[in-house]
Amino acid sequence: MKKILAAAIFLLVPLAASAEKADALKPVDIAFDNANVDQVTQNYVATGNVIITRGTMILKSDRAEVKVAPDGWRTFILTANPGKLATFRQKRDGGPDLWGEGQAQRIEYDERSDLVKLFSKAVIRQLEGKKVTQEMASEFISYDNRNEKLLGLNDANGTDKPGNGRGSITLQPRRATAAPAPAPAGKQ
């Protein structure tokens, strides 16, 4: 039983701060080389150097599909060409220069649940300025902005299968605090 648990990478990691809440109120802008829009099904497909921005959130990939549900909520599916990775970056609440960023061969973002899923060669980082404070790498990562949690699994399909490899988490050391002042000589 212990071997099965050790082989199955299933991690929940709380995040220090969530994505910037004000982004939810911003419009979505999509830049691309080519696009196909089906106004009946509300399905948008953009290809070639696709850049999607919404407030501080920036998603980049070779191809992006945007699906609009009947109630107006959108799902974004970004896919990279072979050998490349799709990326996202977003400012986090809680400080002036806090960021979250990630990369994978495929990234899915669901507006309704505020959930980002990364498939194949997935990496997510938290940064203070340019310094990485936390990093997770796995075949599949689910990043829940609302509940401030990461879930990493060892299978790119979002399932947990023993023996499919391992994930990793890197946590940086806590900030150094000032050492207590030494006692004056002879007064200990």
N, C-alpha and C. Protein backbone atom coordinates (compact mmCIF):
# COMPACT_ATOMS: atom_id res chain seq x y z
N MET A 1 0.82 -1.18 0.00
CA MET A 1 0.00 0.00 0.00
C MET A 1 0.87 1.25 0.00
N LYS A 2 1.95 1.25 0.80
CA LYS A 2 2.83 2.42 0.85
C LYS A 2 3.48 2.68 -0.50
N LYS A 3 3.85 1.60 -1.22
CA LYS A 3 4.46 1.77 -2.53
C LYS A 3 3.50 2.42 -3.50
N ILE A 4 2.23 2.01 -3.46
CA ILE A 4 1.23 2.61 -4.36
C ILE A 4 1.06 4.08 -4.02
N LEU A 5 0.97 4.43 -2.75
CA LEU A 5 0.82 5.82 -2.37
C LEU A 5 2.05 6.64 -2.74
N ALA A 6 3.22 6.06 -2.62
CA ALA A 6 4.45 6.78 -2.97
C ALA A 6 4.54 7.00 -4.48
N ALA A 7 4.05 6.05 -5.26
CA ALA A 7 4.12 6.17 -6.71
C ALA A 7 3.07 7.13 -7.25
N ALA A 8 1.96 7.26 -6.58
CA ALA A 8 0.88 8.13 -7.05
C ALA A 8 1.12 9.55 -6.53
N ILE A 9 1.50 10.43 -7.41
CA ILE A 9 1.75 11.80 -7.00
C ILE A 9 0.42 12.54 -6.97
N PHE A 10 -0.04 12.88 -5.78
CA PHE A 10 -1.31 13.55 -5.61
C PHE A 10 -1.09 14.63 -4.56
N LEU A 11 -0.96 15.87 -4.98
CA LEU A 11 -0.53 16.93 -4.09
C LEU A 11 -1.52 18.07 -4.06
N LEU A 12 -1.83 18.55 -2.89
CA LEU A 12 -2.60 19.78 -2.74
C LEU A 12 -1.71 20.76 -2.00
N VAL A 13 -1.46 21.89 -2.62
CA VAL A 13 -0.57 22.87 -2.03
C VAL A 13 -1.31 24.20 -1.93
N PRO A 14 -1.49 24.77 -0.75
CA PRO A 14 -2.13 26.07 -0.66
C PRO A 14 -1.22 27.14 -1.23
N LEU A 15 -1.82 28.12 -1.86
CA LEU A 15 -1.07 29.22 -2.44
C LEU A 15 -1.05 30.39 -1.48
N ALA A 16 -0.02 31.20 -1.58
CA ALA A 16 0.11 32.33 -0.68
C ALA A 16 -0.88 33.44 -1.01
N ALA A 17 -1.24 33.61 -2.24
CA ALA A 17 -2.19 34.65 -2.63
C ALA A 17 -2.86 34.24 -3.92
N SER A 18 -4.09 34.65 -4.09
CA SER A 18 -4.84 34.26 -5.28
C SER A 18 -4.64 35.26 -6.41
N ALA A 19 -5.14 34.89 -7.59
CA ALA A 19 -5.05 35.75 -8.75
C ALA A 19 -5.79 37.05 -8.48
N GLU A 20 -5.38 38.08 -9.17
CA GLU A 20 -5.97 39.40 -8.95
C GLU A 20 -7.46 39.37 -9.27
N LYS A 21 -8.28 39.64 -8.27
CA LYS A 21 -9.73 39.55 -8.39
C LYS A 21 -10.28 40.55 -9.41
N ALA A 22 -9.67 41.71 -9.56
CA ALA A 22 -10.16 42.73 -10.49
C ALA A 22 -10.13 42.26 -11.93
N ASP A 23 -9.31 41.26 -12.26
CA ASP A 23 -9.24 40.76 -13.64
C ASP A 23 -10.58 40.22 -14.13
N ALA A 24 -11.40 39.70 -13.22
CA ALA A 24 -12.69 39.12 -13.61
C ALA A 24 -13.62 40.18 -14.22
N LEU A 25 -13.38 41.44 -13.94
CA LEU A 25 -14.24 42.51 -14.44
C LEU A 25 -13.70 43.15 -15.72
N LYS A 26 -12.60 42.65 -16.23
CA LYS A 26 -11.96 43.23 -17.42
C LYS A 26 -12.41 42.50 -18.68
N PRO A 27 -12.37 43.21 -19.83
CA PRO A 27 -12.70 42.55 -21.10
C PRO A 27 -11.58 41.61 -21.53
N VAL A 28 -11.90 40.66 -22.41
CA VAL A 28 -10.93 39.73 -22.95
C VAL A 28 -10.52 40.24 -24.34
N ASP A 29 -9.23 40.39 -24.56
CA ASP A 29 -8.69 40.79 -25.87
C ASP A 29 -7.89 39.63 -26.43
N ILE A 30 -8.10 39.33 -27.72
CA ILE A 30 -7.40 38.22 -28.37
C ILE A 30 -6.68 38.76 -29.60
N ALA A 31 -5.36 38.59 -29.64
CA ALA A 31 -4.54 38.95 -30.81
C ALA A 31 -4.10 37.65 -31.47
N PHE A 32 -4.04 37.62 -32.81
CA PHE A 32 -3.76 36.38 -33.53
C PHE A 32 -3.31 36.69 -34.94
N ASP A 33 -2.81 35.66 -35.65
CA ASP A 33 -2.49 35.79 -37.07
C ASP A 33 -3.70 35.42 -37.92
N ASN A 34 -4.46 34.39 -37.52
CA ASN A 34 -5.65 33.94 -38.26
C ASN A 34 -6.74 33.58 -37.26
N ALA A 35 -8.01 33.75 -37.68
CA ALA A 35 -9.12 33.39 -36.78
C ALA A 35 -10.31 32.91 -37.59
N ASN A 36 -11.09 32.04 -36.94
CA ASN A 36 -12.32 31.52 -37.50
C ASN A 36 -13.37 31.67 -36.40
N VAL A 37 -14.44 32.40 -36.69
CA VAL A 37 -15.47 32.67 -35.70
C VAL A 37 -16.79 32.08 -36.17
N ASP A 38 -17.39 31.23 -35.35
CA ASP A 38 -18.71 30.68 -35.63
C ASP A 38 -19.68 31.38 -34.68
N GLN A 39 -20.42 32.36 -35.20
CA GLN A 39 -21.30 33.14 -34.33
C GLN A 39 -22.52 32.35 -33.87
N VAL A 40 -22.89 31.30 -34.58
CA VAL A 40 -24.02 30.48 -34.18
C VAL A 40 -23.67 29.67 -32.94
N THR A 41 -22.51 29.00 -32.96
CA THR A 41 -22.11 28.16 -31.82
C THR A 41 -21.30 28.93 -30.79
N GLN A 42 -20.96 30.19 -31.07
CA GLN A 42 -20.12 31.01 -30.19
C GLN A 42 -18.79 30.32 -29.91
N ASN A 43 -18.17 29.81 -30.99
CA ASN A 43 -16.89 29.14 -30.90
C ASN A 43 -15.87 29.95 -31.71
N TYR A 44 -14.78 30.32 -31.08
CA TYR A 44 -13.74 31.12 -31.71
C TYR A 44 -12.46 30.29 -31.75
N VAL A 45 -11.81 30.22 -32.90
CA VAL A 45 -10.53 29.53 -33.02
C VAL A 45 -9.53 30.51 -33.61
N ALA A 46 -8.46 30.74 -32.87
CA ALA A 46 -7.40 31.65 -33.33
C ALA A 46 -6.11 30.85 -33.44
N THR A 47 -5.31 31.15 -34.48
CA THR A 47 -4.03 30.46 -34.67
C THR A 47 -2.95 31.47 -34.97
N GLY A 48 -1.72 31.04 -34.73
CA GLY A 48 -0.56 31.87 -35.04
C GLY A 48 -0.30 32.96 -34.02
N ASN A 49 0.66 32.74 -33.14
CA ASN A 49 1.08 33.73 -32.16
C ASN A 49 -0.12 34.34 -31.43
N VAL A 50 -0.93 33.48 -30.82
CA VAL A 50 -2.14 33.93 -30.13
C VAL A 50 -1.77 34.49 -28.76
N ILE A 51 -2.30 35.68 -28.46
CA ILE A 51 -2.10 36.31 -27.15
C ILE A 51 -3.47 36.75 -26.65
N ILE A 52 -3.88 36.19 -25.52
CA ILE A 52 -5.16 36.53 -24.90
C ILE A 52 -4.85 37.29 -23.63
N THR A 53 -5.45 38.47 -23.48
CA THR A 53 -5.24 39.26 -22.26
C THR A 53 -6.58 39.57 -21.62
N ARG A 54 -6.57 39.57 -20.31
CA ARG A 54 -7.73 39.96 -19.51
C ARG A 54 -7.19 40.56 -18.23
N GLY A 55 -7.18 41.88 -18.15
CA GLY A 55 -6.57 42.53 -17.01
C GLY A 55 -5.08 42.21 -16.97
N THR A 56 -4.62 41.64 -15.86
CA THR A 56 -3.20 41.28 -15.75
C THR A 56 -2.90 39.88 -16.26
N MET A 57 -3.96 39.11 -16.60
CA MET A 57 -3.74 37.74 -17.09
C MET A 57 -3.36 37.78 -18.57
N ILE A 58 -2.29 37.07 -18.92
CA ILE A 58 -1.83 36.96 -20.30
C ILE A 58 -1.64 35.48 -20.60
N LEU A 59 -2.34 35.00 -21.64
CA LEU A 59 -2.23 33.61 -22.10
C LEU A 59 -1.62 33.66 -23.50
N LYS A 60 -0.63 32.79 -23.76
CA LYS A 60 0.01 32.77 -25.08
C LYS A 60 0.11 31.33 -25.57
N SER A 61 -0.15 31.16 -26.88
CA SER A 61 -0.02 29.83 -27.48
C SER A 61 -0.01 29.94 -29.00
N ASP A 62 0.18 28.80 -29.65
CA ASP A 62 0.12 28.75 -31.11
C ASP A 62 -1.31 28.67 -31.60
N ARG A 63 -2.20 28.11 -30.76
CA ARG A 63 -3.61 27.95 -31.13
C ARG A 63 -4.46 28.14 -29.89
N ALA A 64 -5.59 28.81 -30.05
CA ALA A 64 -6.52 28.98 -28.93
C ALA A 64 -7.94 28.82 -29.43
N GLU A 65 -8.72 28.11 -28.64
CA GLU A 65 -10.14 27.98 -28.91
C GLU A 65 -10.88 28.57 -27.72
N VAL A 66 -11.85 29.42 -28.02
CA VAL A 66 -12.68 30.02 -26.98
C VAL A 66 -14.10 29.55 -27.22
N LYS A 67 -14.67 28.90 -26.20
CA LYS A 67 -16.05 28.42 -26.28
C LYS A 67 -16.89 29.24 -25.32
N VAL A 68 -18.00 29.78 -25.82
CA VAL A 68 -18.88 30.58 -24.99
C VAL A 68 -20.15 29.77 -24.71
N ALA A 69 -20.42 29.53 -23.43
CA ALA A 69 -21.62 28.78 -23.03
C ALA A 69 -22.85 29.67 -23.22
N PRO A 70 -24.03 29.08 -23.31
CA PRO A 70 -25.25 29.87 -23.48
C PRO A 70 -25.45 30.95 -22.42
N ASP A 71 -24.94 30.72 -21.20
CA ASP A 71 -25.08 31.71 -20.14
C ASP A 71 -23.95 32.75 -20.15
N GLY A 72 -23.05 32.69 -21.15
CA GLY A 72 -22.01 33.70 -21.32
C GLY A 72 -20.65 33.37 -20.76
N TRP A 73 -20.53 32.33 -19.93
CA TRP A 73 -19.22 31.95 -19.39
C TRP A 73 -18.35 31.38 -20.50
N ARG A 74 -17.06 31.66 -20.43
CA ARG A 74 -16.13 31.22 -21.47
C ARG A 74 -15.15 30.19 -20.94
N THR A 75 -14.74 29.30 -21.86
CA THR A 75 -13.66 28.35 -21.62
C THR A 75 -12.62 28.59 -22.69
N PHE A 76 -11.35 28.69 -22.28
CA PHE A 76 -10.24 28.92 -23.20
C PHE A 76 -9.39 27.66 -23.24
N ILE A 77 -9.08 27.17 -24.43
CA ILE A 77 -8.23 25.99 -24.59
C ILE A 77 -7.05 26.41 -25.47
N LEU A 78 -5.87 26.43 -24.89
CA LEU A 78 -4.67 26.84 -25.61
C LEU A 78 -3.79 25.64 -25.87
N THR A 79 -3.33 25.49 -27.10
CA THR A 79 -2.45 24.38 -27.42
C THR A 79 -1.22 24.91 -28.14
N ALA A 80 -0.10 24.32 -27.79
CA ALA A 80 1.17 24.68 -28.41
C ALA A 80 1.50 23.70 -29.52
N ASN A 81 2.24 24.18 -30.50
CA ASN A 81 2.74 23.29 -31.54
C ASN A 81 3.73 22.31 -30.93
N PRO A 82 3.99 21.16 -31.58
CA PRO A 82 4.95 20.19 -31.05
C PRO A 82 6.30 20.85 -30.73
N GLY A 83 6.83 20.53 -29.56
CA GLY A 83 8.11 21.08 -29.13
C GLY A 83 8.01 22.45 -28.49
N LYS A 84 6.82 23.03 -28.42
CA LYS A 84 6.62 24.35 -27.80
C LYS A 84 5.68 24.20 -26.60
N LEU A 85 5.53 25.29 -25.84
CA LEU A 85 4.65 25.29 -24.69
C LEU A 85 3.74 26.52 -24.72
N ALA A 86 2.51 26.34 -24.29
CA ALA A 86 1.59 27.46 -24.06
C ALA A 86 1.92 28.02 -22.69
N THR A 87 1.66 29.32 -22.47
CA THR A 87 2.01 29.95 -21.20
C THR A 87 0.88 30.82 -20.67
N PHE A 88 0.91 31.05 -19.36
CA PHE A 88 0.04 32.06 -18.76
C PHE A 88 0.82 32.79 -17.68
N ARG A 89 0.39 34.02 -17.43
CA ARG A 89 0.99 34.84 -16.38
C ARG A 89 -0.11 35.75 -15.85
N GLN A 90 -0.17 35.90 -14.52
CA GLN A 90 -1.20 36.75 -13.92
C GLN A 90 -0.70 37.32 -12.60
N LYS A 91 -1.03 38.58 -12.37
CA LYS A 91 -0.70 39.22 -11.10
C LYS A 91 -1.55 38.59 -10.02
N ARG A 92 -0.96 38.47 -8.82
CA ARG A 92 -1.67 37.93 -7.66
C ARG A 92 -1.99 39.05 -6.70
N ASP A 93 -3.12 38.94 -6.01
CA ASP A 93 -3.46 39.88 -4.94
C ASP A 93 -2.49 39.68 -3.78
N GLY A 94 -2.35 40.69 -2.96
CA GLY A 94 -1.56 40.55 -1.75
C GLY A 94 -0.24 41.31 -1.75
N GLY A 95 0.10 41.99 -2.83
CA GLY A 95 1.34 42.76 -2.87
C GLY A 95 1.53 43.40 -4.23
N PRO A 96 2.44 44.35 -4.31
CA PRO A 96 2.59 45.10 -5.56
C PRO A 96 3.27 44.33 -6.70
N ASP A 97 4.08 43.32 -6.40
CA ASP A 97 4.82 42.64 -7.46
C ASP A 97 4.78 41.13 -7.27
N LEU A 98 3.57 40.59 -7.05
CA LEU A 98 3.38 39.15 -6.88
C LEU A 98 2.74 38.61 -8.16
N TRP A 99 3.29 37.50 -8.67
CA TRP A 99 2.83 36.94 -9.94
C TRP A 99 2.68 35.43 -9.85
N GLY A 100 1.82 34.88 -10.68
CA GLY A 100 1.71 33.45 -10.90
C GLY A 100 1.92 33.22 -12.39
N GLU A 101 2.66 32.19 -12.73
CA GLU A 101 2.87 31.89 -14.15
C GLU A 101 2.98 30.39 -14.33
N GLY A 102 2.68 29.95 -15.55
CA GLY A 102 2.74 28.53 -15.82
C GLY A 102 2.94 28.26 -17.29
N GLN A 103 3.25 27.00 -17.58
CA GLN A 103 3.46 26.58 -18.96
C GLN A 103 3.14 25.10 -19.08
N ALA A 104 2.68 24.71 -20.27
CA ALA A 104 2.36 23.31 -20.56
C ALA A 104 2.09 23.20 -22.05
N GLN A 105 1.97 21.97 -22.53
CA GLN A 105 1.63 21.79 -23.94
C GLN A 105 0.19 22.20 -24.21
N ARG A 106 -0.70 22.02 -23.22
CA ARG A 106 -2.08 22.48 -23.36
C ARG A 106 -2.50 23.13 -22.05
N ILE A 107 -3.19 24.27 -22.15
CA ILE A 107 -3.71 24.97 -20.98
C ILE A 107 -5.19 25.21 -21.21
N GLU A 108 -6.00 24.88 -20.20
CA GLU A 108 -7.43 25.16 -20.26
C GLU A 108 -7.77 26.09 -19.10
N TYR A 109 -8.53 27.14 -19.41
CA TYR A 109 -8.96 28.07 -18.37
C TYR A 109 -10.48 28.18 -18.42
N ASP A 110 -11.15 27.91 -17.30
CA ASP A 110 -12.59 27.98 -17.19
C ASP A 110 -12.95 29.20 -16.34
N GLU A 111 -13.61 30.18 -16.97
CA GLU A 111 -13.99 31.40 -16.26
C GLU A 111 -14.93 31.13 -15.09
N ARG A 112 -15.91 30.27 -15.31
CA ARG A 112 -16.94 30.03 -14.30
C ARG A 112 -16.32 29.54 -12.99
N SER A 113 -15.43 28.57 -13.07
CA SER A 113 -14.83 27.99 -11.86
C SER A 113 -13.51 28.67 -11.49
N ASP A 114 -13.00 29.55 -12.35
CA ASP A 114 -11.71 30.21 -12.15
C ASP A 114 -10.62 29.17 -11.94
N LEU A 115 -10.63 28.16 -12.81
CA LEU A 115 -9.72 27.03 -12.73
C LEU A 115 -8.83 26.98 -13.96
N VAL A 116 -7.53 26.84 -13.76
CA VAL A 116 -6.57 26.68 -14.85
C VAL A 116 -6.05 25.25 -14.78
N LYS A 117 -6.14 24.51 -15.90
CA LYS A 117 -5.61 23.15 -15.97
C LYS A 117 -4.48 23.14 -16.98
N LEU A 118 -3.36 22.54 -16.59
CA LEU A 118 -2.19 22.44 -17.46
C LEU A 118 -1.92 20.95 -17.73
N PHE A 119 -1.77 20.61 -19.01
CA PHE A 119 -1.59 19.23 -19.42
C PHE A 119 -0.26 19.06 -20.13
N SER A 120 0.51 18.05 -19.76
CA SER A 120 1.78 17.65 -20.39
C SER A 120 2.88 18.69 -20.19
N LYS A 121 3.92 18.26 -19.50
CA LYS A 121 5.07 19.12 -19.19
C LYS A 121 4.64 20.38 -18.45
N ALA A 122 3.75 20.22 -17.49
CA ALA A 122 3.17 21.34 -16.76
C ALA A 122 4.10 21.85 -15.67
N VAL A 123 4.20 23.18 -15.59
CA VAL A 123 4.97 23.84 -14.53
C VAL A 123 4.19 25.08 -14.12
N ILE A 124 4.08 25.30 -12.81
CA ILE A 124 3.48 26.53 -12.28
C ILE A 124 4.45 27.11 -11.27
N ARG A 125 4.61 28.43 -11.32
CA ARG A 125 5.51 29.14 -10.41
C ARG A 125 4.78 30.31 -9.76
N GLN A 126 5.16 30.61 -8.52
CA GLN A 126 4.76 31.85 -7.87
C GLN A 126 6.02 32.69 -7.77
N LEU A 127 5.86 33.97 -8.05
CA LEU A 127 7.01 34.86 -8.03
C LEU A 127 6.74 36.09 -7.19
N GLU A 128 7.80 36.58 -6.56
CA GLU A 128 7.82 37.90 -5.94
C GLU A 128 8.81 38.68 -6.78
N GLY A 129 8.32 39.57 -7.62
CA GLY A 129 9.17 40.20 -8.62
C GLY A 129 9.61 39.14 -9.60
N LYS A 130 10.92 38.94 -9.72
CA LYS A 130 11.44 37.89 -10.61
C LYS A 130 11.88 36.65 -9.85
N LYS A 131 11.80 36.71 -8.51
CA LYS A 131 12.25 35.59 -7.68
C LYS A 131 11.15 34.54 -7.53
N VAL A 132 11.46 33.30 -7.87
CA VAL A 132 10.51 32.19 -7.72
C VAL A 132 10.42 31.83 -6.23
N THR A 133 9.19 31.83 -5.70
CA THR A 133 8.99 31.48 -4.29
C THR A 133 8.43 30.07 -4.14
N GLN A 134 7.67 29.60 -5.13
CA GLN A 134 7.17 28.22 -5.14
C GLN A 134 7.11 27.76 -6.58
N GLU A 135 7.33 26.46 -6.78
CA GLU A 135 7.24 25.90 -8.12
C GLU A 135 6.75 24.47 -8.02
N MET A 136 5.84 24.10 -8.94
CA MET A 136 5.37 22.73 -9.03
C MET A 136 5.51 22.29 -10.48
N ALA A 137 6.02 21.07 -10.69
CA ALA A 137 6.14 20.49 -12.02
C ALA A 137 5.53 19.10 -11.99
N SER A 138 4.71 18.80 -12.98
CA SER A 138 4.05 17.50 -13.07
C SER A 138 3.48 17.34 -14.47
N GLU A 139 2.96 16.18 -14.78
CA GLU A 139 2.34 15.98 -16.09
C GLU A 139 0.99 16.68 -16.18
N PHE A 140 0.30 16.85 -15.05
CA PHE A 140 -0.98 17.54 -15.01
C PHE A 140 -1.02 18.38 -13.75
N ILE A 141 -1.42 19.65 -13.88
CA ILE A 141 -1.60 20.52 -12.72
C ILE A 141 -2.92 21.24 -12.87
N SER A 142 -3.68 21.25 -11.80
CA SER A 142 -4.90 22.03 -11.73
C SER A 142 -4.66 23.15 -10.73
N TYR A 143 -4.92 24.39 -11.15
CA TYR A 143 -4.64 25.58 -10.34
C TYR A 143 -5.98 26.26 -10.05
N ASP A 144 -6.46 26.13 -8.83
CA ASP A 144 -7.76 26.66 -8.41
C ASP A 144 -7.55 28.04 -7.79
N ASN A 145 -7.89 29.08 -8.55
CA ASN A 145 -7.69 30.45 -8.07
C ASN A 145 -8.58 30.77 -6.87
N ARG A 146 -9.82 30.31 -6.89
CA ARG A 146 -10.76 30.65 -5.82
C ARG A 146 -10.36 30.07 -4.48
N ASN A 147 -9.97 28.80 -4.48
CA ASN A 147 -9.63 28.13 -3.23
C ASN A 147 -8.14 28.14 -2.94
N GLU A 148 -7.37 28.78 -3.83
CA GLU A 148 -5.93 28.95 -3.65
C GLU A 148 -5.21 27.62 -3.44
N LYS A 149 -5.44 26.67 -4.37
CA LYS A 149 -4.82 25.35 -4.25
C LYS A 149 -4.31 24.86 -5.60
N LEU A 150 -3.28 24.05 -5.53
CA LEU A 150 -2.72 23.35 -6.68
C LEU A 150 -2.92 21.86 -6.48
N LEU A 151 -3.20 21.17 -7.57
CA LEU A 151 -3.30 19.72 -7.55
C LEU A 151 -2.40 19.22 -8.66
N GLY A 152 -1.43 18.37 -8.34
CA GLY A 152 -0.53 17.82 -9.34
C GLY A 152 -0.70 16.32 -9.43
N LEU A 153 -0.86 15.81 -10.66
CA LEU A 153 -0.99 14.37 -10.88
C LEU A 153 0.07 13.94 -11.88
N ASN A 154 0.39 12.67 -11.86
CA ASN A 154 1.48 12.16 -12.68
C ASN A 154 1.04 11.73 -14.07
N ASP A 155 -0.21 12.00 -14.46
CA ASP A 155 -0.70 11.60 -15.77
C ASP A 155 -1.26 12.82 -16.49
N ALA A 156 -0.88 13.02 -17.74
CA ALA A 156 -1.28 14.20 -18.49
C ALA A 156 -2.77 14.25 -18.79
N ASN A 157 -3.48 13.16 -18.57
CA ASN A 157 -4.93 13.16 -18.79
C ASN A 157 -5.70 13.61 -17.56
N GLY A 158 -4.99 14.01 -16.51
CA GLY A 158 -5.66 14.46 -15.30
C GLY A 158 -6.11 13.33 -14.40
N THR A 159 -5.51 12.16 -14.57
CA THR A 159 -5.80 11.03 -13.69
C THR A 159 -4.53 10.66 -12.95
N ASP A 160 -4.65 9.90 -11.92
CA ASP A 160 -3.50 9.51 -11.12
C ASP A 160 -3.24 8.02 -11.33
N LYS A 161 -2.15 7.70 -11.97
CA LYS A 161 -1.83 6.30 -12.27
C LYS A 161 -0.46 5.97 -11.68
N PRO A 162 -0.41 5.02 -10.74
CA PRO A 162 0.87 4.63 -10.16
C PRO A 162 1.85 4.20 -11.25
N GLY A 163 3.09 4.62 -11.09
CA GLY A 163 4.14 4.22 -12.02
C GLY A 163 4.29 5.14 -13.23
N ASN A 164 3.50 6.20 -13.32
CA ASN A 164 3.59 7.10 -14.48
C ASN A 164 4.63 8.20 -14.31
N GLY A 165 5.41 8.16 -13.30
CA GLY A 165 6.41 9.20 -13.13
C GLY A 165 6.17 9.95 -11.84
N ARG A 166 6.91 11.00 -11.68
CA ARG A 166 6.86 11.76 -10.45
C ARG A 166 6.69 13.23 -10.75
N GLY A 167 6.17 13.96 -9.79
CA GLY A 167 6.09 15.41 -9.86
C GLY A 167 7.06 15.98 -8.85
N SER A 168 7.15 17.29 -8.81
CA SER A 168 8.04 17.91 -7.83
C SER A 168 7.50 19.26 -7.39
N ILE A 169 7.84 19.64 -6.17
CA ILE A 169 7.51 20.95 -5.63
C ILE A 169 8.80 21.53 -5.06
N THR A 170 9.04 22.79 -5.34
CA THR A 170 10.18 23.49 -4.77
C THR A 170 9.66 24.66 -3.94
N LEU A 171 10.02 24.68 -2.67
CA LEU A 171 9.66 25.78 -1.78
C LEU A 171 10.93 26.48 -1.37
N GLN A 172 10.97 27.78 -1.56
CA GLN A 172 12.15 28.55 -1.20
C GLN A 172 12.21 28.74 0.31
N PRO A 173 13.42 28.96 0.87
CA PRO A 173 13.54 29.18 2.31
C PRO A 173 12.78 30.43 2.73
N ARG A 174 12.34 30.43 3.96
CA ARG A 174 11.68 31.62 4.49
C ARG A 174 12.66 32.77 4.46
N ARG A 175 12.10 33.95 4.42
CA ARG A 175 12.97 35.14 4.47
C ARG A 175 13.73 35.15 5.78
N ALA A 176 14.98 35.53 5.70
CA ALA A 176 15.81 35.61 6.90
C ALA A 176 15.31 36.75 7.77
N THR A 177 15.23 36.50 9.05
CA THR A 177 14.86 37.55 9.99
C THR A 177 16.13 38.03 10.67
N ALA A 178 16.07 39.20 11.18
CA ALA A 178 17.25 39.76 11.85
C ALA A 178 17.62 38.89 13.05
N ALA A 179 18.88 38.58 13.16
CA ALA A 179 19.36 37.78 14.30
C ALA A 179 19.30 38.63 15.55
N PRO A 180 19.01 38.01 16.70
CA PRO A 180 18.99 38.81 17.93
C PRO A 180 20.36 39.41 18.21
N ALA A 181 20.35 40.59 18.76
CA ALA A 181 21.62 41.27 19.07
C ALA A 181 22.36 40.49 20.16
N PRO A 182 23.69 40.35 20.02
CA PRO A 182 24.44 39.63 21.06
C PRO A 182 24.40 40.39 22.37
N ALA A 183 24.47 39.64 23.47
CA ALA A 183 24.47 40.25 24.81
C ALA A 183 25.79 40.98 24.99
N PRO A 184 25.78 42.10 25.70
CA PRO A 184 27.04 42.84 25.96
C PRO A 184 28.03 41.92 26.68
N ALA A 185 29.29 42.14 26.43
CA ALA A 185 30.36 41.31 27.03
C ALA A 185 30.25 41.32 28.53
N GLY A 186 30.33 40.17 29.13
CA GLY A 186 30.31 40.03 30.58
C GLY A 186 28.90 40.03 31.17
N LYS A 187 27.87 40.17 30.38
CA LYS A 187 26.49 40.19 30.90
C LYS A 187 25.67 39.10 30.25
N GLN A 188 25.93 37.88 30.59
CA GLN A 188 25.18 36.77 30.02
C GLN A 188 24.37 36.05 31.05
